[in-house]
């Protein structure tokens, strides 16, 4: 199959996705860095702890393995004539890069002392990284990249299992995906849990893993591009985004506007940086409130764009629909294992 037949972006999608990407990067990275250096008093800058130490070796190993795994799957698919669109590779790579940056110095080091950096880290892992990864539609290359024994003995029996398919459908239902996203967010923002993960690395890593997994579940439900009979409709996906956005607004507004010192452990941790506990808390609340909610707005724009661009909603003739469906199948055939999920 020639690469010219590979699926590409529809007209209007490329500028939309490019704009969203720069908006996201500009908001998260730019706002976090600017806020940090504007609020950091010069008089304490020389006395602050070093921020480039404490690299976790396992984070580097896992990241390298994921990159090699994905690359192997891409090469296998291309060898079989399935050329992935460039934007899928780009978004997946960007998601891995941002995820790596979120859990390594200097962000991870600063998160151990400053609440607003810690909540920025959580929002990155809970919302931004899963959004990028799911825009990359990585299911096909990740399955293709599995070692053959693993694929035969584990993946294929699992994908054909009725119990697993029923569990997957339940997990991908809009209600379950939305509720678990909100539950994970609210649980780790409880003061006892935030104080716990601030001083215990093992609990902090558990929080990171649960946030990333819950975000992937939610955003895959929202952005799954496959046309399945049981797939949630566009209005239902928009409703799920609205529900989770409202949950972000409520908890973020409470953390920002309350006069109570919720996270007392940061009174001591943030002291060397010269940032008061309430100011640190309000900045963290604003990040959860505004930046967290912005992720749902971006997701809603993508879903709405797909909705108005969906060919199945246009008044095409039966012959035209059949012809376009055949062209899509020839350009990107769906493997048997993928149809099970």
Protein backbone atom coordinates (compact mmCIF):
# COMPACT_ATOMS: atom_id res chain seq x y z
CA UNK A 1 0.00 0.00 0.00
CA UNK A 2 1.35 3.41 -0.92
CA UNK A 3 1.77 5.99 1.78
CA UNK A 4 -0.45 8.33 -0.20
CA UNK A 5 -3.41 6.18 0.87
CA UNK A 6 -2.64 6.60 4.57
CA UNK A 7 -5.40 8.35 6.54
CA UNK A 8 -4.83 12.06 6.95
CA UNK A 9 -6.47 14.97 8.69
CA UNK A 10 -9.71 16.27 7.25
CA UNK A 11 -9.70 19.84 5.92
CA UNK A 12 -9.70 22.23 8.85
CA UNK A 13 -8.41 19.70 11.41
CA UNK A 14 -4.72 20.51 11.06
CA UNK A 15 -4.98 24.22 11.98
CA UNK A 16 -7.44 23.37 14.76
CA UNK A 17 -5.15 20.79 16.36
CA UNK A 18 -2.09 23.00 15.90
CA UNK A 19 -3.86 25.92 17.58
CA UNK A 20 -5.00 23.71 20.45
CA UNK A 21 -1.50 22.32 20.93
CA UNK A 22 0.18 25.72 21.15
CA UNK A 23 -2.62 26.97 23.38
CA UNK A 24 -2.13 24.04 25.74
CA UNK A 25 1.66 24.26 25.81
CA UNK A 26 1.58 28.02 26.21
CA UNK A 27 -0.91 27.82 29.04
CA UNK A 28 0.58 25.00 31.08
CA UNK A 29 4.30 25.42 30.66
CA UNK A 30 4.35 29.19 30.17
CA UNK A 31 1.94 30.04 32.98
CA UNK A 32 3.61 27.69 35.47
CA UNK A 33 7.13 29.00 34.79
CA UNK A 34 6.07 32.66 34.76
CA UNK A 35 4.06 32.29 37.97
CA UNK A 36 6.93 30.57 39.70
CA UNK A 37 9.62 33.11 38.86
CA UNK A 38 7.37 36.12 39.37
CA UNK A 39 6.37 34.96 42.81
CA UNK A 40 9.81 33.78 43.89
CA UNK A 41 11.42 36.57 45.96
CA UNK A 42 14.97 37.28 44.83
CA UNK A 43 16.15 37.46 48.43
CA UNK A 44 15.49 33.76 49.05
CA UNK A 45 16.53 32.44 45.63
CA UNK A 46 20.07 31.73 46.84
CA UNK A 47 18.85 29.79 49.88
CA UNK A 48 16.36 27.49 48.19
CA UNK A 49 16.99 23.72 47.90
CA UNK A 50 18.53 22.39 44.65
CA UNK A 51 15.89 21.45 42.09
CA UNK A 52 17.86 19.26 39.65
CA UNK A 53 18.60 16.33 41.95
CA UNK A 54 16.70 13.13 42.88
CA UNK A 55 16.25 11.56 39.46
CA UNK A 56 14.28 8.30 39.69
CA UNK A 57 16.00 5.63 37.59
CA UNK A 58 12.80 3.64 37.08
CA UNK A 59 11.04 6.62 35.44
CA UNK A 60 13.82 6.82 32.84
CA UNK A 61 13.71 3.05 32.24
CA UNK A 62 9.91 2.95 31.86
CA UNK A 63 9.94 5.93 29.48
CA UNK A 64 12.63 4.35 27.28
CA UNK A 65 10.76 1.03 27.22
CA UNK A 66 7.49 2.72 26.22
CA UNK A 67 9.22 4.62 23.40
CA UNK A 68 10.90 1.43 22.11
CA UNK A 69 7.62 -0.51 22.43
CA UNK A 70 5.67 2.10 20.49
CA UNK A 71 8.40 2.44 17.84
CA UNK A 72 8.45 -1.33 17.32
CA UNK A 73 4.69 -1.34 16.83
CA UNK A 74 4.85 1.53 14.32
CA UNK A 75 7.52 -0.28 12.29
CA UNK A 76 5.50 -3.50 12.29
CA UNK A 77 2.35 -1.73 11.13
CA UNK A 78 4.21 0.09 8.38
CA UNK A 79 5.80 -3.20 7.28
CA UNK A 80 2.25 -4.57 6.93
CA UNK A 81 1.21 -1.55 4.86
CA UNK A 82 -0.53 0.46 7.60
CA UNK A 83 1.10 3.90 7.72
CA UNK A 84 0.09 5.88 10.79
CA UNK A 85 -0.71 9.57 10.25
CA UNK A 86 2.07 11.91 11.36
CA UNK A 87 -0.16 13.71 13.83
CA UNK A 88 -0.85 10.51 15.77
CA UNK A 89 2.88 9.87 16.19
CA UNK A 90 3.40 13.50 17.14
CA UNK A 91 0.70 13.63 19.82
CA UNK A 92 1.79 10.34 21.37
CA UNK A 93 5.43 11.48 21.45
CA UNK A 94 4.39 14.82 22.96
CA UNK A 95 2.37 13.00 25.63
CA UNK A 96 5.32 10.81 26.59
CA UNK A 97 7.64 13.84 26.68
CA UNK A 98 5.34 15.96 28.85
CA UNK A 99 4.63 13.00 31.13
CA UNK A 100 8.36 12.42 31.59
CA UNK A 101 8.92 16.12 32.34
CA UNK A 102 6.08 16.12 34.88
CA UNK A 103 7.61 13.39 37.09
CA UNK A 104 11.29 14.39 36.86
CA UNK A 105 13.29 17.40 38.10
CA UNK A 106 12.80 20.30 38.27
CA UNK A 107 9.00 19.94 38.34
CA UNK A 108 8.99 16.88 40.61
CA UNK A 109 11.52 18.45 42.98
CA UNK A 110 9.58 21.71 43.22
CA UNK A 111 6.35 19.73 43.74
CA UNK A 112 7.85 18.41 46.97
CA UNK A 113 7.95 21.92 48.41
CA UNK A 114 5.30 24.03 46.68
CA UNK A 115 1.64 23.08 46.58
CA UNK A 116 0.83 24.96 43.38
CA UNK A 117 3.63 23.14 41.51
CA UNK A 118 2.39 19.85 42.97
CA UNK A 119 -1.14 20.54 41.72
CA UNK A 120 0.28 21.58 38.34
CA UNK A 121 2.03 18.20 38.22
CA UNK A 122 -1.23 16.44 39.10
CA UNK A 123 -3.20 18.29 36.44
CA UNK A 124 -0.56 17.44 33.84
CA UNK A 125 -0.73 13.73 34.70
CA UNK A 126 -4.50 13.65 35.19
CA UNK A 127 -5.64 15.73 32.22
CA UNK A 128 -3.00 17.03 29.82
CA UNK A 129 -0.83 13.93 29.27
CA UNK A 130 -3.80 11.53 28.82
CA UNK A 131 -5.37 14.01 26.37
CA UNK A 132 -2.20 14.05 24.23
CA UNK A 133 -1.74 10.28 24.40
CA UNK A 134 -5.35 9.58 23.40
CA UNK A 135 -5.11 12.05 20.51
CA UNK A 136 -2.25 9.84 19.34
CA UNK A 137 -4.63 6.81 19.14
CA UNK A 138 -1.86 4.47 20.34
CA UNK A 139 -3.83 1.22 20.72
CA UNK A 140 -2.87 -0.32 17.36
CA UNK A 141 0.90 0.32 17.53
CA UNK A 142 1.11 -0.69 21.20
CA UNK A 143 -0.59 -4.04 20.50
CA UNK A 144 1.47 -4.55 17.36
CA UNK A 145 4.63 -3.85 19.34
CA UNK A 146 3.99 -6.59 21.90
CA UNK A 147 6.38 -9.56 21.80
CA UNK A 148 4.80 -12.43 19.86
CA UNK A 149 4.60 -14.84 22.84
CA UNK A 150 2.88 -12.17 24.92
CA UNK A 151 0.46 -11.42 22.11
CA UNK A 152 -0.45 -15.07 21.61
CA UNK A 153 -0.67 -16.15 25.24
CA UNK A 154 -1.99 -13.03 26.93
CA UNK A 155 -3.46 -10.38 24.65
CA UNK A 156 -5.46 -12.47 22.18
CA UNK A 157 -7.14 -14.67 24.83
CA UNK A 158 -7.87 -11.54 26.86
CA UNK A 159 -9.32 -9.66 23.88
CA UNK A 160 -11.56 -12.64 23.05
CA UNK A 161 -12.77 -13.09 26.61
CA UNK A 162 -16.42 -12.17 27.09
CA UNK A 163 -15.79 -11.19 30.70
CA UNK A 164 -12.98 -8.85 29.73
CA UNK A 165 -15.02 -7.28 26.92
CA UNK A 166 -17.93 -6.74 29.33
CA UNK A 167 -15.57 -5.18 31.87
CA UNK A 168 -14.04 -2.95 29.17
CA UNK A 169 -17.45 -1.77 27.96
CA UNK A 170 -18.47 -0.95 31.53
CA UNK A 171 -15.21 0.91 32.15
CA UNK A 172 -15.62 2.88 28.91
CA UNK A 173 -19.20 3.89 29.65
CA UNK A 174 -19.49 7.69 30.00
CA UNK A 175 -20.87 7.49 33.54
CA UNK A 176 -18.17 5.18 34.93
CA UNK A 177 -15.34 6.97 33.10
CA UNK A 178 -16.50 10.38 34.36
CA UNK A 179 -17.18 9.30 37.96
CA UNK A 180 -13.82 7.56 38.37
CA UNK A 181 -12.00 10.64 37.00
CA UNK A 182 -13.75 12.90 39.53
CA UNK A 183 -13.31 10.39 42.38
CA UNK A 184 -9.55 10.12 41.87
CA UNK A 185 -9.21 13.92 41.68
CA UNK A 186 -11.23 14.55 44.84
CA UNK A 187 -9.60 11.73 46.82
CA UNK A 188 -6.04 12.96 46.33
CA UNK A 189 -7.07 16.58 47.05
CA UNK A 190 -8.34 15.68 50.52
CA UNK A 191 -6.03 17.37 53.06
CA UNK A 192 -4.90 14.11 54.79
CA UNK A 193 -4.02 12.52 51.44
CA UNK A 194 -2.21 15.61 50.12
CA UNK A 195 -0.19 15.84 53.34
CA UNK A 196 0.61 12.13 53.04
CA UNK A 197 1.87 12.26 49.46
CA UNK A 198 3.84 15.43 50.22
CA UNK A 199 6.13 13.56 52.63
CA UNK A 200 6.04 9.94 51.37
CA UNK A 201 7.43 9.23 47.91
CA UNK A 202 5.69 5.85 47.59
CA UNK A 203 2.24 7.41 48.12
CA UNK A 204 3.12 10.22 45.74
CA UNK A 205 4.03 7.71 43.01
CA UNK A 206 0.80 5.80 43.65
CA UNK A 207 -1.14 9.06 43.22
CA UNK A 208 0.65 9.72 39.92
CA UNK A 209 -0.16 6.26 38.57
CA UNK A 210 -3.83 6.40 39.56
CA UNK A 211 -4.22 9.88 38.08
CA UNK A 212 -2.63 8.86 34.79
CA UNK A 213 -4.71 5.68 34.49
CA UNK A 214 -8.00 7.40 35.37
CA UNK A 215 -7.20 10.18 32.88
CA UNK A 216 -6.47 7.66 30.13
CA UNK A 217 -9.78 5.88 30.78
CA UNK A 218 -11.76 9.11 30.59
CA UNK A 219 -10.04 10.64 27.58
CA UNK A 220 -10.12 7.41 25.59
CA UNK A 221 -13.88 7.28 26.15
CA UNK A 222 -14.16 10.89 24.97
CA UNK A 223 -11.74 10.74 22.00
CA UNK A 224 -12.00 7.15 20.76
CA UNK A 225 -12.30 7.69 16.97
CA UNK A 226 -13.55 4.21 16.10
CA UNK A 227 -17.14 3.84 14.92
CA UNK A 228 -18.49 1.12 17.21
CA UNK A 229 -22.19 0.30 17.67
CA UNK A 230 -21.91 0.83 21.44
CA UNK A 231 -19.78 4.01 21.23
CA UNK A 232 -21.17 6.98 23.17
CA UNK A 233 -22.79 9.65 21.02
CA UNK A 234 -21.27 13.10 20.59
CA UNK A 235 -23.83 14.79 22.88
CA UNK A 236 -23.13 12.22 25.61
CA UNK A 237 -19.39 12.84 25.34
CA UNK A 238 -19.99 16.58 25.61
CA UNK A 239 -22.18 15.98 28.66
CA UNK A 240 -19.39 13.93 30.30
CA UNK A 241 -16.93 16.77 29.65
CA UNK A 242 -19.36 19.26 31.18
CA UNK A 243 -19.80 17.11 34.28
CA UNK A 244 -16.07 16.75 34.89
CA UNK A 245 -15.49 20.44 34.18
CA UNK A 246 -18.07 21.38 36.79
CA UNK A 247 -16.34 19.07 39.30
CA UNK A 248 -12.99 20.79 38.61
CA UNK A 249 -14.58 24.21 39.06
CA UNK A 250 -16.17 23.28 42.40
CA UNK A 251 -13.06 21.83 44.05
CA UNK A 252 -10.72 24.42 42.50
CA UNK A 253 -12.91 27.33 43.58
CA UNK A 254 -13.16 25.98 47.12
CA UNK A 255 -9.37 25.61 47.46
CA UNK A 256 -8.88 29.11 46.02
CA UNK A 257 -11.53 31.04 47.90
CA UNK A 258 -11.47 29.43 51.34
CA UNK A 259 -9.63 31.29 54.09
CA UNK A 260 -8.80 28.02 55.85
CA UNK A 261 -5.28 26.61 55.62
CA UNK A 262 -6.14 23.20 54.17
CA UNK A 263 -2.71 21.68 53.61
CA UNK A 264 -0.73 22.43 56.76
CA UNK A 265 2.34 20.38 55.82
CA UNK A 266 3.18 22.94 53.13
CA UNK A 267 3.57 25.65 55.79
CA UNK A 268 6.99 24.17 56.48
CA UNK A 269 7.85 22.85 53.02
CA UNK A 270 7.19 26.17 51.23
CA UNK A 271 8.95 28.34 53.85
CA UNK A 272 12.40 28.39 52.13
CA UNK A 273 10.78 29.75 48.97
CA UNK A 274 9.28 32.76 50.70
CA UNK A 275 5.73 32.01 49.53
CA UNK A 276 3.00 32.15 52.15
CA UNK A 277 0.90 29.05 52.72
CA UNK A 278 -2.38 30.70 51.69
CA UNK A 279 -0.88 32.22 48.55
CA UNK A 280 0.58 28.83 47.62
CA UNK A 281 -2.81 27.20 48.26
CA UNK A 282 -4.72 29.78 46.21
CA UNK A 283 -2.35 29.39 43.27
CA UNK A 284 -2.88 25.63 43.43
CA UNK A 285 -6.63 26.12 43.55
CA UNK A 286 -6.51 28.41 40.50
CA UNK A 287 -4.54 25.80 38.57
CA UNK A 288 -7.12 23.13 39.42
CA UNK A 289 -10.00 25.52 38.74
CA UNK A 290 -8.90 27.23 35.51
CA UNK A 291 -6.31 24.99 33.88
CA UNK A 292 -8.07 21.78 34.88
CA UNK A 293 -11.37 23.05 33.50
CA UNK A 294 -9.65 24.27 30.35
CA UNK A 295 -8.79 20.68 29.45
CA UNK A 296 -12.48 19.86 29.22
CA UNK A 297 -13.06 22.95 27.07
CA UNK A 298 -10.34 21.82 24.68
CA UNK A 299 -11.79 18.31 24.65
CA UNK A 300 -15.25 19.71 23.95
CA UNK A 301 -13.90 21.72 20.99
CA UNK A 302 -12.33 18.57 19.54
CA UNK A 303 -15.51 16.50 20.04
CA UNK A 304 -17.70 19.26 18.60
CA UNK A 305 -15.42 19.58 15.57
CA UNK A 306 -15.65 15.83 14.99
CA UNK A 307 -19.39 16.00 15.39
CA UNK A 308 -19.94 18.63 12.71
CA UNK A 309 -17.38 16.89 10.44
CA UNK A 310 -18.88 13.41 10.83
CA UNK A 311 -19.81 12.13 7.39
CA UNK A 312 -22.47 9.83 8.83
CA UNK A 313 -24.49 12.93 9.81
CA UNK A 314 -24.41 14.41 6.32
CA UNK A 315 -27.23 13.70 3.83
CA UNK A 316 -25.15 11.41 1.55
CA UNK A 317 -26.64 8.84 -0.75
CA UNK A 318 -26.36 5.15 0.10
CA UNK A 319 -23.88 4.67 -2.75
CA UNK A 320 -21.67 7.56 -1.57
CA UNK A 321 -21.62 6.26 2.00
CA UNK A 322 -20.69 2.76 0.84
CA UNK A 323 -17.91 4.15 -1.36
CA UNK A 324 -16.43 6.27 1.46
CA UNK A 325 -16.63 3.36 3.91
CA UNK A 326 -14.75 1.15 1.43
CA UNK A 327 -12.08 3.83 0.99
CA UNK A 328 -11.59 4.06 4.75
CA UNK A 329 -11.27 0.29 5.06
CA UNK A 330 -8.67 0.17 2.29
CA UNK A 331 -6.71 3.06 3.79
CA UNK A 332 -6.68 1.79 7.37
CA UNK A 333 -8.03 -1.72 7.88
CA UNK A 334 -9.05 -2.53 11.45
CA UNK A 335 -7.29 -5.64 12.73
CA UNK A 336 -9.36 -8.41 14.28
CA UNK A 337 -7.93 -7.82 17.75
CA UNK A 338 -8.94 -4.15 17.72
CA UNK A 339 -12.58 -4.87 16.91
CA UNK A 340 -12.98 -6.66 20.23
CA UNK A 341 -12.50 -3.51 22.33
